[in-house]
């Protein structure tokens, strides 16, 4: 009988440990998200930042590929396209995705 009680207590302790670990991870994620929001707000107050500059450059690259190249191709001027797979990834991260 004592063996079964000890095993049940051990299982309860193990579940409690994992629940606390998951809860602390969620708290840490919420704290990191809040801190990142504060950093973003502070950078926005400063005016033009490197993030905004990077956003403008990447947006221009997308504009170049989808608007400038086709328009100039209609006029007979052929320009090389810039690969967009990495550009899209960085733009999504800048917008706030993961």
Protein backbone atom coordinates (compact mmCIF):
# COMPACT_ATOMS: atom_id res chain seq x y z
CA UNK A 1 0.00 0.00 0.00
CA UNK A 2 2.77 2.45 0.85
CA UNK A 3 4.40 1.80 -2.53
CA UNK A 4 1.25 2.81 -4.46
CA UNK A 5 0.85 5.99 -2.41
CA UNK A 6 4.47 6.92 -3.04
CA UNK A 7 4.08 6.34 -6.77
CA UNK A 8 0.92 8.50 -6.89
CA UNK A 9 2.67 11.31 -5.01
CA UNK A 10 5.65 11.06 -7.33
CA UNK A 11 3.37 11.34 -10.38
CA UNK A 12 1.57 14.35 -8.86
CA UNK A 13 4.90 16.04 -8.19
CA UNK A 14 6.08 15.37 -11.74
CA UNK A 15 2.91 16.83 -13.26
CA UNK A 16 3.16 19.86 -10.98
CA UNK A 17 6.76 20.45 -12.09
CA UNK A 18 5.83 20.39 -15.80
CA UNK A 19 2.81 22.64 -15.26
CA UNK A 20 4.95 25.21 -13.43
CA UNK A 21 7.59 25.06 -16.18
CA UNK A 22 4.97 25.67 -18.89
CA UNK A 23 3.48 28.52 -16.88
CA UNK A 24 6.86 30.17 -16.35
CA UNK A 25 7.64 29.84 -20.08
CA UNK A 26 4.35 31.59 -20.92
CA UNK A 27 5.17 34.34 -18.42
CA UNK A 28 8.63 34.77 -19.95
CA UNK A 29 7.18 34.96 -23.48
CA UNK A 30 4.67 37.60 -22.36
CA UNK A 31 7.44 39.62 -20.68
CA UNK A 32 9.65 39.43 -23.79
CA UNK A 33 6.74 40.51 -25.99
CA UNK A 34 6.02 43.46 -23.71
CA UNK A 35 9.69 44.50 -23.71
CA UNK A 36 9.85 44.27 -27.52
CA UNK A 37 6.74 46.45 -27.78
CA UNK A 38 8.38 49.04 -25.50
CA UNK A 39 11.52 49.04 -27.69
CA UNK A 40 9.42 49.49 -30.82
CA UNK A 41 7.49 52.38 -29.25
CA UNK A 42 10.73 54.09 -28.19
CA UNK A 43 12.20 53.72 -31.68
CA UNK A 44 9.01 55.14 -33.20
CA UNK A 45 9.28 58.23 -31.00
CA UNK A 46 12.85 58.84 -32.21
CA UNK A 47 11.81 59.33 -35.83
CA UNK A 48 13.53 57.55 -38.71
CA UNK A 49 15.15 54.29 -37.57
CA UNK A 50 17.10 51.47 -39.19
CA UNK A 51 13.96 49.31 -39.23
CA UNK A 52 12.10 51.92 -41.23
CA UNK A 53 15.05 52.29 -43.59
CA UNK A 54 15.23 48.53 -44.09
CA UNK A 55 11.49 48.43 -44.69
CA UNK A 56 11.75 51.12 -47.38
CA UNK A 57 14.66 49.36 -49.12
CA UNK A 58 12.89 45.99 -49.15
CA UNK A 59 9.66 47.59 -50.34
CA UNK A 60 11.56 49.24 -53.18
CA UNK A 61 13.05 45.87 -54.17
CA UNK A 62 9.55 44.35 -54.37
CA UNK A 63 8.32 47.39 -56.34
CA UNK A 64 11.29 47.07 -58.69
CA UNK A 65 10.57 43.39 -59.38
CA UNK A 66 6.81 43.72 -59.85
CA UNK A 67 6.44 47.19 -61.44
CA UNK A 68 9.71 48.60 -62.82
CA UNK A 69 10.96 45.47 -64.59
CA UNK A 70 7.64 44.72 -66.38
CA UNK A 71 7.18 48.36 -67.44
CA UNK A 72 10.69 48.61 -68.84
CA UNK A 73 10.29 45.21 -70.51
CA UNK A 74 7.33 46.66 -72.42
CA UNK A 75 9.68 49.38 -73.70
CA UNK A 76 12.27 46.78 -74.73
CA UNK A 77 14.68 47.30 -71.82
CA UNK A 78 15.49 44.05 -70.08
CA UNK A 79 16.74 44.22 -66.50
CA UNK A 80 17.66 41.36 -64.17
CA UNK A 81 15.19 40.44 -61.44
CA UNK A 82 16.20 40.26 -57.80
CA UNK A 83 15.34 36.96 -56.02
CA UNK A 84 12.58 37.69 -53.52
CA UNK A 85 12.54 34.63 -51.22
CA UNK A 86 14.83 36.21 -48.59
CA UNK A 87 13.23 39.64 -49.08
CA UNK A 88 9.78 38.25 -48.25
CA UNK A 89 11.09 36.51 -45.13
CA UNK A 90 12.67 39.70 -43.78
CA UNK A 91 9.61 41.81 -44.64
CA UNK A 92 7.33 39.38 -42.80
CA UNK A 93 9.59 39.51 -39.75
CA UNK A 94 9.64 43.32 -39.85
CA UNK A 95 5.86 43.47 -40.10
CA UNK A 96 5.60 41.30 -37.01
CA UNK A 97 5.24 37.76 -38.19
CA UNK A 98 7.52 34.89 -37.41
